[in-house]
Amino acid sequence: MKLTKLDPMHGFCAEAGGGVTILAVSALGIPVSTTHTITGAIIGVGMTSGLKAVRWLVAGRIIWAWIFTIPVSALIGAATYELLKLFV
């Protein structure tokens, strides 16, 4: 509800769209995050009610979190490796 208002039909369409996307990219051998896929589908369904139906400030924070996830995870992984390398 913080991203956009969904009724049961919107929820079903978002879940179905996310599911189809996951199946399609999996068939192509492309790794994909289910959370990202469903969130994108929810934004898409929300946009069917108009651009103002989506809370873009919330969507922007989600997108920035996605962008920072990979490099921060890489740094944490590298730091963990270097730390464990000292003891092994």
PDB file of N, CA and C in Angstrom:
ATOM      1  N   MET A   1       0.809  -1.201   0.000  1.00  0.00           N
ATOM      2  CA  MET A   1       0.000   0.000   0.000  1.00  0.00           C
ATOM      3  C   MET A   1       0.857   1.272   0.000  1.00  0.00           C
ATOM      4  N   LYS A   2       2.120   1.150   0.392  1.00  0.00           N
ATOM      5  CA  LYS A   2       2.961   2.350   0.399  1.00  0.00           C
ATOM      6  C   LYS A   2       3.414   2.734  -1.003  1.00  0.00           C
ATOM      7  N   LEU A   3       3.431   1.779  -1.912  1.00  0.00           N
ATOM      8  CA  LEU A   3       3.911   2.037  -3.261  1.00  0.00           C
ATOM      9  C   LEU A   3       2.771   2.488  -4.177  1.00  0.00           C
ATOM     10  N   THR A   4       1.678   1.760  -4.142  1.00  0.00           N
ATOM     11  CA  THR A   4       0.484   2.102  -4.906  1.00  0.00           C
ATOM     12  C   THR A   4      -0.685   1.317  -4.322  1.00  0.00           C
ATOM     13  N   LYS A   5      -1.880   1.774  -4.571  1.00  0.00           N
ATOM     14  CA  LYS A   5      -3.049   1.077  -4.050  1.00  0.00           C
ATOM     15  C   LYS A   5      -3.406  -0.072  -4.992  1.00  0.00           C
ATOM     16  N   LEU A   6      -3.576  -1.257  -4.417  1.00  0.00           N
ATOM     17  CA  LEU A   6      -3.917  -2.431  -5.210  1.00  0.00           C
ATOM     18  C   LEU A   6      -5.230  -3.026  -4.717  1.00  0.00           C
ATOM     19  N   ASP A   7      -6.114  -3.318  -5.644  1.00  0.00           N
ATOM     20  CA  ASP A   7      -7.291  -4.108  -5.303  1.00  0.00           C
ATOM     21  C   ASP A   7      -6.987  -5.553  -5.713  1.00  0.00           C
ATOM     22  N   PRO A   8      -7.879  -6.503  -5.437  1.00  0.00           N
ATOM     23  CA  PRO A   8      -7.559  -7.899  -5.763  1.00  0.00           C
ATOM     24  C   PRO A   8      -7.192  -8.136  -7.232  1.00  0.00           C
ATOM     25  N   MET A   9      -7.869  -7.467  -8.157  1.00  0.00           N
ATOM     26  CA  MET A   9      -7.559  -7.644  -9.575  1.00  0.00           C
ATOM     27  C   MET A   9      -6.158  -7.131  -9.902  1.00  0.00           C
ATOM     28  N   HIS A  10      -5.802  -5.967  -9.349  1.00  0.00           N
ATOM     29  CA  HIS A  10      -4.454  -5.436  -9.559  1.00  0.00           C
ATOM     30  C   HIS A  10      -3.402  -6.384  -8.983  1.00  0.00           C
ATOM     31  N   GLY A  11      -3.663  -6.899  -7.790  1.00  0.00           N
ATOM     32  CA  GLY A  11      -2.726  -7.826  -7.165  1.00  0.00           C
ATOM     33  C   GLY A  11      -2.532  -9.085  -7.988  1.00  0.00           C
ATOM     34  N   PHE A  12      -3.643  -9.621  -8.496  1.00  0.00           N
ATOM     35  CA  PHE A  12      -3.556 -10.817  -9.335  1.00  0.00           C
ATOM     36  C   PHE A  12      -2.736 -10.537 -10.590  1.00  0.00           C
ATOM     37  N   CYS A  13      -2.997  -9.406 -11.230  1.00  0.00           N
ATOM     38  CA  CYS A  13      -2.276  -9.062 -12.458  1.00  0.00           C
ATOM     39  C   CYS A  13      -0.786  -8.839 -12.194  1.00  0.00           C
ATOM     40  N   ALA A  14      -0.458  -8.212 -11.069  1.00  0.00           N
ATOM     41  CA  ALA A  14       0.949  -7.997 -10.729  1.00  0.00           C
ATOM     42  C   ALA A  14       1.644  -9.333 -10.487  1.00  0.00           C
ATOM     43  N   GLU A  15       0.996 -10.219  -9.736  1.00  0.00           N
ATOM     44  CA  GLU A  15       1.590 -11.531  -9.468  1.00  0.00           C
ATOM     45  C   GLU A  15       1.728 -12.354 -10.747  1.00  0.00           C
ATOM     46  N   ALA A  16       0.703 -12.312 -11.599  1.00  0.00           N
ATOM     47  CA  ALA A  16       0.751 -13.058 -12.857  1.00  0.00           C
ATOM     48  C   ALA A  16       1.841 -12.500 -13.771  1.00  0.00           C
ATOM     49  N   GLY A  17       1.914 -11.180 -13.866  1.00  0.00           N
ATOM     50  CA  GLY A  17       2.954 -10.555 -14.696  1.00  0.00           C
ATOM     51  C   GLY A  17       4.340 -10.861 -14.193  1.00  0.00           C
ATOM     52  N   GLY A  18       4.518 -10.799 -12.877  1.00  0.00           N
ATOM     53  CA  GLY A  18       5.812 -11.144 -12.292  1.00  0.00           C
ATOM     54  C   GLY A  18       6.162 -12.604 -12.531  1.00  0.00           C
ATOM     55  N   GLY A  19       5.177 -13.478 -12.380  1.00  0.00           N
ATOM     56  CA  GLY A  19       5.406 -14.910 -12.605  1.00  0.00           C
ATOM     57  C   GLY A  19       5.787 -15.222 -14.040  1.00  0.00           C
ATOM     58  N   VAL A  20       5.077 -14.609 -14.977  1.00  0.00           N
ATOM     59  CA  VAL A  20       5.388 -14.819 -16.396  1.00  0.00           C
ATOM     60  C   VAL A  20       6.794 -14.303 -16.712  1.00  0.00           C
ATOM     61  N   THR A  21       7.144 -13.168 -16.153  1.00  0.00           N
ATOM     62  CA  THR A  21       8.483 -12.610 -16.378  1.00  0.00           C
ATOM     63  C   THR A  21       9.554 -13.552 -15.838  1.00  0.00           C
ATOM     64  N   ILE A  22       9.346 -14.056 -14.629  1.00  0.00           N
ATOM     65  CA  ILE A  22      10.321 -14.975 -14.032  1.00  0.00           C
ATOM     66  C   ILE A  22      10.468 -16.232 -14.879  1.00  0.00           C
ATOM     67  N   LEU A  23       9.347 -16.797 -15.332  1.00  0.00           N
ATOM     68  CA  LEU A  23       9.412 -17.989 -16.168  1.00  0.00           C
ATOM     69  C   LEU A  23      10.129 -17.716 -17.490  1.00  0.00           C
ATOM     70  N   ALA A  24       9.836 -16.574 -18.098  1.00  0.00           N
ATOM     71  CA  ALA A  24      10.437 -16.246 -19.393  1.00  0.00           C
ATOM     72  C   ALA A  24      11.948 -16.075 -19.286  1.00  0.00           C
ATOM     73  N   VAL A  25      12.403 -15.293 -18.312  1.00  0.00           N
ATOM     74  CA  VAL A  25      13.847 -15.075 -18.210  1.00  0.00           C
ATOM     75  C   VAL A  25      14.566 -16.319 -17.708  1.00  0.00           C
ATOM     76  N   SER A  26      13.894 -17.127 -16.887  1.00  0.00           N
ATOM     77  CA  SER A  26      14.499 -18.388 -16.446  1.00  0.00           C
ATOM     78  C   SER A  26      14.690 -19.330 -17.625  1.00  0.00           C
ATOM     79  N   ALA A  27      13.732 -19.356 -18.534  1.00  0.00           N
ATOM     80  CA  ALA A  27      13.855 -20.194 -19.725  1.00  0.00           C
ATOM     81  C   ALA A  27      15.035 -19.756 -20.582  1.00  0.00           C
ATOM     82  N   LEU A  28      15.362 -18.472 -20.526  1.00  0.00           N
ATOM     83  CA  LEU A  28      16.503 -17.951 -21.271  1.00  0.00           C
ATOM     84  C   LEU A  28      17.816 -18.101 -20.497  1.00  0.00           C
ATOM     85  N   GLY A  29      17.731 -18.587 -19.258  1.00  0.00           N
ATOM     86  CA  GLY A  29      18.921 -18.779 -18.448  1.00  0.00           C
ATOM     87  C   GLY A  29      19.434 -17.508 -17.804  1.00  0.00           C
ATOM     88  N   ILE A  30      18.572 -16.508 -17.688  1.00  0.00           N
ATOM     89  CA  ILE A  30      18.974 -15.230 -17.113  1.00  0.00           C
ATOM     90  C   ILE A  30      18.575 -15.212 -15.632  1.00  0.00           C
ATOM     91  N   PRO A  31      19.517 -14.965 -14.724  1.00  0.00           N
ATOM     92  CA  PRO A  31      19.149 -14.889 -13.313  1.00  0.00           C
ATOM     93  C   PRO A  31      18.358 -13.613 -13.045  1.00  0.00           C
ATOM     94  N   VAL A  32      17.346 -13.733 -12.201  1.00  0.00           N
ATOM     95  CA  VAL A  32      16.513 -12.570 -11.901  1.00  0.00           C
ATOM     96  C   VAL A  32      16.033 -12.670 -10.455  1.00  0.00           C
ATOM     97  N   SER A  33      15.874 -11.531  -9.833  1.00  0.00           N
ATOM     98  CA  SER A  33      15.369 -11.473  -8.472  1.00  0.00           C
ATOM     99  C   SER A  33      13.841 -11.461  -8.494  1.00  0.00           C
ATOM    100  N   THR A  34      13.238 -12.370  -7.750  1.00  0.00           N
ATOM    101  CA  THR A  34      11.770 -12.390  -7.697  1.00  0.00           C
ATOM    102  C   THR A  34      11.233 -11.118  -7.051  1.00  0.00           C
ATOM    103  N   THR A  35      11.933 -10.605  -6.056  1.00  0.00           N
ATOM    104  CA  THR A  35      11.486  -9.378  -5.397  1.00  0.00           C
ATOM    105  C   THR A  35      11.488  -8.209  -6.373  1.00  0.00           C
ATOM    106  N   HIS A  36      12.551  -8.078  -7.144  1.00  0.00           N
ATOM    107  CA  HIS A  36      12.618  -6.989  -8.126  1.00  0.00           C
ATOM    108  C   HIS A  36      11.523  -7.138  -9.169  1.00  0.00           C
ATOM    109  N   THR A  37      11.303  -8.369  -9.611  1.00  0.00           N
ATOM    110  CA  THR A  37      10.304  -8.619 -10.646  1.00  0.00           C
ATOM    111  C   THR A  37       8.901  -8.277 -10.164  1.00  0.00           C
ATOM    112  N   ILE A  38       8.543  -8.726  -8.987  1.00  0.00           N
ATOM    113  CA  ILE A  38       7.211  -8.452  -8.458  1.00  0.00           C
ATOM    114  C   ILE A  38       7.029  -6.960  -8.181  1.00  0.00           C
ATOM    115  N   THR A  39       8.057  -6.317  -7.626  1.00  0.00           N
ATOM    116  CA  THR A  39       7.964  -4.880  -7.364  1.00  0.00           C
ATOM    117  C   THR A  39       7.784  -4.105  -8.660  1.00  0.00           C
ATOM    118  N   GLY A  40       8.513  -4.478  -9.700  1.00  0.00           N
ATOM    119  CA  GLY A  40       8.341  -3.834 -11.003  1.00  0.00           C
ATOM    120  C   GLY A  40       6.943  -4.046 -11.555  1.00  0.00           C
ATOM    121  N   ALA A  41       6.413  -5.249 -11.368  1.00  0.00           N
ATOM    122  CA  ALA A  41       5.058  -5.530 -11.835  1.00  0.00           C
ATOM    123  C   ALA A  41       4.025  -4.711 -11.065  1.00  0.00           C
ATOM    124  N   ILE A  42       4.242  -4.536  -9.777  1.00  0.00           N
ATOM    125  CA  ILE A  42       3.327  -3.717  -8.970  1.00  0.00           C
ATOM    126  C   ILE A  42       3.358  -2.271  -9.440  1.00  0.00           C
ATOM    127  N   ILE A  43       4.536  -1.754  -9.734  1.00  0.00           N
ATOM    128  CA  ILE A  43       4.637  -0.385 -10.266  1.00  0.00           C
ATOM    129  C   ILE A  43       3.907  -0.297 -11.600  1.00  0.00           C
ATOM    130  N   GLY A  44       4.100  -1.295 -12.455  1.00  0.00           N
ATOM    131  CA  GLY A  44       3.425  -1.299 -13.760  1.00  0.00           C
ATOM    132  C   GLY A  44       1.916  -1.324 -13.622  1.00  0.00           C
ATOM    133  N   VAL A  45       1.402  -2.152 -12.729  1.00  0.00           N
ATOM    134  CA  VAL A  45      -0.042  -2.214 -12.509  1.00  0.00           C
ATOM    135  C   VAL A  45      -0.544  -0.897 -11.932  1.00  0.00           C
ATOM    136  N   GLY A  46       0.219  -0.318 -11.023  1.00  0.00           N
ATOM    137  CA  GLY A  46      -0.177   0.975 -10.457  1.00  0.00           C
ATOM    138  C   GLY A  46      -0.254   2.066 -11.499  1.00  0.00           C
ATOM    139  N   MET A  47       0.655   2.010 -12.484  1.00  0.00           N
ATOM    140  CA  MET A  47       0.668   3.026 -13.539  1.00  0.00           C
ATOM    141  C   MET A  47      -0.555   2.948 -14.447  1.00  0.00           C
ATOM    142  N   THR A  48      -1.266   1.819 -14.450  1.00  0.00           N
ATOM    143  CA  THR A  48      -2.466   1.731 -15.274  1.00  0.00           C
ATOM    144  C   THR A  48      -3.550   2.677 -14.775  1.00  0.00           C
ATOM    145  N   SER A  49      -3.451   3.097 -13.517  1.00  0.00           N
ATOM    146  CA  SER A  49      -4.395   4.065 -12.960  1.00  0.00           C
ATOM    147  C   SER A  49      -3.892   5.489 -13.122  1.00  0.00           C
ATOM    148  N   GLY A  50      -2.789   5.654 -13.817  1.00  0.00           N
ATOM    149  CA  GLY A  50      -2.203   6.975 -14.028  1.00  0.00           C
ATOM    150  C   GLY A  50      -0.874   7.083 -13.307  1.00  0.00           C
ATOM    151  N   LEU A  51      -0.030   7.960 -13.783  1.00  0.00           N
ATOM    152  CA  LEU A  51       1.302   8.115 -13.197  1.00  0.00           C
ATOM    153  C   LEU A  51       1.245   8.593 -11.755  1.00  0.00           C
ATOM    154  N   LYS A  52       0.207   9.343 -11.414  1.00  0.00           N
ATOM    155  CA  LYS A  52       0.094   9.858 -10.046  1.00  0.00           C
ATOM    156  C   LYS A  52      -0.351   8.788  -9.057  1.00  0.00           C
ATOM    157  N   ALA A  53      -0.759   7.617  -9.545  1.00  0.00           N
ATOM    158  CA  ALA A  53      -1.199   6.538  -8.664  1.00  0.00           C
ATOM    159  C   ALA A  53      -0.014   5.858  -7.982  1.00  0.00           C
ATOM    160  N   VAL A  54       1.180   6.031  -8.537  1.00  0.00           N
ATOM    161  CA  VAL A  54       2.389   5.435  -7.958  1.00  0.00           C
ATOM    162  C   VAL A  54       3.082   6.484  -7.104  1.00  0.00           C
ATOM    163  N   ARG A  55       3.490   6.096  -5.925  1.00  0.00           N
ATOM    164  CA  ARG A  55       4.248   6.999  -5.060  1.00  0.00           C
ATOM    165  C   ARG A  55       5.714   6.912  -5.491  1.00  0.00           C
ATOM    166  N   TRP A  56       6.105   7.855  -6.337  1.00  0.00           N
ATOM    167  CA  TRP A  56       7.409   7.801  -6.985  1.00  0.00           C
ATOM    168  C   TRP A  56       8.561   8.015  -6.016  1.00  0.00           C
ATOM    169  N   LEU A  57       8.312   8.691  -4.905  1.00  0.00           N
ATOM    170  CA  LEU A  57       9.370   8.841  -3.907  1.00  0.00           C
ATOM    171  C   LEU A  57       9.726   7.478  -3.317  1.00  0.00           C
ATOM    172  N   VAL A  58       8.714   6.680  -3.010  1.00  0.00           N
ATOM    173  CA  VAL A  58       8.939   5.327  -2.496  1.00  0.00           C
ATOM    174  C   VAL A  58       9.607   4.471  -3.575  1.00  0.00           C
ATOM    175  N   ALA A  59       9.102   4.557  -4.814  1.00  0.00           N
ATOM    176  CA  ALA A  59       9.690   3.777  -5.918  1.00  0.00           C
ATOM    177  C   ALA A  59      11.147   4.166  -6.132  1.00  0.00           C
ATOM    178  N   GLY A  60      11.454   5.437  -6.035  1.00  0.00           N
ATOM    179  CA  GLY A  60      12.832   5.898  -6.192  1.00  0.00           C
ATOM    180  C   GLY A  60      13.742   5.334  -5.126  1.00  0.00           C
ATOM    181  N   ARG A  61      13.263   5.277  -3.886  1.00  0.00           N
ATOM    182  CA  ARG A  61      14.074   4.698  -2.807  1.00  0.00           C
ATOM    183  C   ARG A  61      14.321   3.215  -3.056  1.00  0.00           C
ATOM    184  N   ILE A  62      13.327   2.522  -3.566  1.00  0.00           N
ATOM    185  CA  ILE A  62      13.492   1.098  -3.884  1.00  0.00           C
ATOM    186  C   ILE A  62      14.540   0.919  -4.979  1.00  0.00           C
ATOM    187  N   ILE A  63      14.468   1.737  -6.012  1.00  0.00           N
ATOM    188  CA  ILE A  63      15.414   1.639  -7.125  1.00  0.00           C
ATOM    189  C   ILE A  63      16.839   1.934  -6.653  1.00  0.00           C
ATOM    190  N   TRP A  64      17.009   2.967  -5.812  1.00  0.00           N
ATOM    191  CA  TRP A  64      18.351   3.255  -5.286  1.00  0.00           C
ATOM    192  C   TRP A  64      18.864   2.104  -4.440  1.00  0.00           C
ATOM    193  N   ALA A  65      17.981   1.467  -3.680  1.00  0.00           N
ATOM    194  CA  ALA A  65      18.395   0.301  -2.890  1.00  0.00           C
ATOM    195  C   ALA A  65      18.865  -0.817  -3.810  1.00  0.00           C
ATOM    196  N   TRP A  66      18.177  -1.018  -4.939  1.00  0.00           N
ATOM    197  CA  TRP A  66      18.592  -2.047  -5.900  1.00  0.00           C
ATOM    198  C   TRP A  66      19.964  -1.726  -6.470  1.00  0.00           C
ATOM    199  N   ILE A  67      20.183  -0.461  -6.797  1.00  0.00           N
ATOM    200  CA  ILE A  67      21.452  -0.060  -7.406  1.00  0.00           C
ATOM    201  C   ILE A  67      22.605  -0.282  -6.431  1.00  0.00           C
ATOM    202  N   PHE A  68      22.403   0.037  -5.161  1.00  0.00           N
ATOM    203  CA  PHE A  68      23.478  -0.089  -4.175  1.00  0.00           C
ATOM    204  C   PHE A  68      23.677  -1.504  -3.671  1.00  0.00           C
ATOM    205  N   THR A  69      22.725  -2.397  -3.869  1.00  0.00           N
ATOM    206  CA  THR A  69      22.819  -3.754  -3.338  1.00  0.00           C
ATOM    207  C   THR A  69      24.036  -4.492  -3.878  1.00  0.00           C
ATOM    208  N   ILE A  70      24.269  -4.452  -5.174  1.00  0.00           N
ATOM    209  CA  ILE A  70      25.360  -5.222  -5.775  1.00  0.00           C
ATOM    210  C   ILE A  70      26.734  -4.717  -5.325  1.00  0.00           C
ATOM    211  N   PRO A  71      27.040  -3.418  -5.442  1.00  0.00           N
ATOM    212  CA  PRO A  71      28.378  -3.005  -5.015  1.00  0.00           C
ATOM    213  C   PRO A  71      28.606  -3.160  -3.508  1.00  0.00           C
ATOM    214  N   VAL A  72      27.589  -2.908  -2.692  1.00  0.00           N
ATOM    215  CA  VAL A  72      27.761  -3.066  -1.247  1.00  0.00           C
ATOM    216  C   VAL A  72      27.966  -4.535  -0.905  1.00  0.00           C
ATOM    217  N   SER A  73      27.211  -5.421  -1.542  1.00  0.00           N
ATOM    218  CA  SER A  73      27.394  -6.855  -1.314  1.00  0.00           C
ATOM    219  C   SER A  73      28.786  -7.295  -1.743  1.00  0.00           C
ATOM    220  N   ALA A  74      29.263  -6.758  -2.841  1.00  0.00           N
ATOM    221  CA  ALA A  74      30.614  -7.088  -3.312  1.00  0.00           C
ATOM    222  C   ALA A  74      31.657  -6.641  -2.296  1.00  0.00           C
ATOM    223  N   LEU A  75      31.501  -5.444  -1.756  1.00  0.00           N
ATOM    224  CA  LEU A  75      32.454  -4.954  -0.760  1.00  0.00           C
ATOM    225  C   LEU A  75      32.424  -5.789   0.517  1.00  0.00           C
ATOM    226  N   ILE A  76      31.229  -6.145   0.970  1.00  0.00           N
ATOM    227  CA  ILE A  76      31.114  -6.979   2.171  1.00  0.00           C
ATOM    228  C   ILE A  76      31.728  -8.358   1.918  1.00  0.00           C
ATOM    229  N   GLY A  77      31.471  -8.920   0.750  1.00  0.00           N
ATOM    230  CA  GLY A  77      32.059 -10.214   0.405  1.00  0.00           C
ATOM    231  C   GLY A  77      33.578 -10.157   0.361  1.00  0.00           C
ATOM    232  N   ALA A  78      34.125  -9.106  -0.252  1.00  0.00           N
ATOM    233  CA  ALA A  78      35.584  -8.952  -0.335  1.00  0.00           C
ATOM    234  C   ALA A  78      36.189  -8.767   1.052  1.00  0.00           C
ATOM    235  N   ALA A  79      35.543  -7.955   1.887  1.00  0.00           N
ATOM    236  CA  ALA A  79      36.046  -7.730   3.247  1.00  0.00           C
ATOM    237  C   ALA A  79      36.005  -9.014   4.064  1.00  0.00           C
ATOM    238  N   THR A  80      34.922  -9.778   3.912  1.00  0.00           N
ATOM    239  CA  THR A  80      34.813 -11.052   4.624  1.00  0.00           C
ATOM    240  C   THR A  80      35.902 -12.015   4.176  1.00  0.00           C
ATOM    241  N   TYR A  81      36.145 -12.087   2.882  1.00  0.00           N
ATOM    242  CA  TYR A  81      37.195 -12.954   2.347  1.00  0.00           C
ATOM    243  C   TYR A  81      38.554 -12.565   2.916  1.00  0.00           C
ATOM    244  N   GLU A  82      38.861 -11.284   2.877  1.00  0.00           N
ATOM    245  CA  GLU A  82      40.165 -10.823   3.377  1.00  0.00           C
ATOM    246  C   GLU A  82      40.306 -11.092   4.871  1.00  0.00           C
ATOM    247  N   LEU A  83      39.226 -10.925   5.616  1.00  0.00           N
ATOM    248  CA  LEU A  83      39.267 -11.198   7.050  1.00  0.00           C
ATOM    249  C   LEU A  83      39.469 -12.685   7.325  1.00  0.00           C
ATOM    250  N   LEU A  84      38.739 -13.523   6.623  1.00  0.00           N
ATOM    251  CA  LEU A  84      38.880 -14.969   6.822  1.00  0.00           C
ATOM    252  C   LEU A  84      40.226 -15.492   6.338  1.00  0.00           C
ATOM    253  N   LYS A  85      40.775 -14.855   5.325  1.00  0.00           N
ATOM    254  CA  LYS A  85      42.074 -15.258   4.800  1.00  0.00           C
ATOM    255  C   LYS A  85      43.177 -15.101   5.859  1.00  0.00           C
ATOM    256  N   LEU A  86      42.991 -14.160   6.772  1.00  0.00           N
ATOM    257  CA  LEU A  86      43.969 -13.955   7.840  1.00  0.00           C
ATOM    258  C   LEU A  86      44.005 -15.125   8.819  1.00  0.00           C
ATOM    259  N   PHE A  87      42.873 -15.811   8.953  1.00  0.00           N
ATOM    260  CA  PHE A  87      42.771 -16.893   9.933  1.00  0.00           C
ATOM    261  C   PHE A  87      42.887 -18.292   9.335  1.00  0.00           C
ATOM    262  N   VAL A  88      42.816 -18.388   8.050  1.00  0.00           N
ATOM    263  CA  VAL A  88      42.850 -19.725   7.407  1.00  0.00           C
ATOM    264  C   VAL A  88      44.147 -19.930   6.677  1.00  0.00           C
TER     265      VAL A  88
END
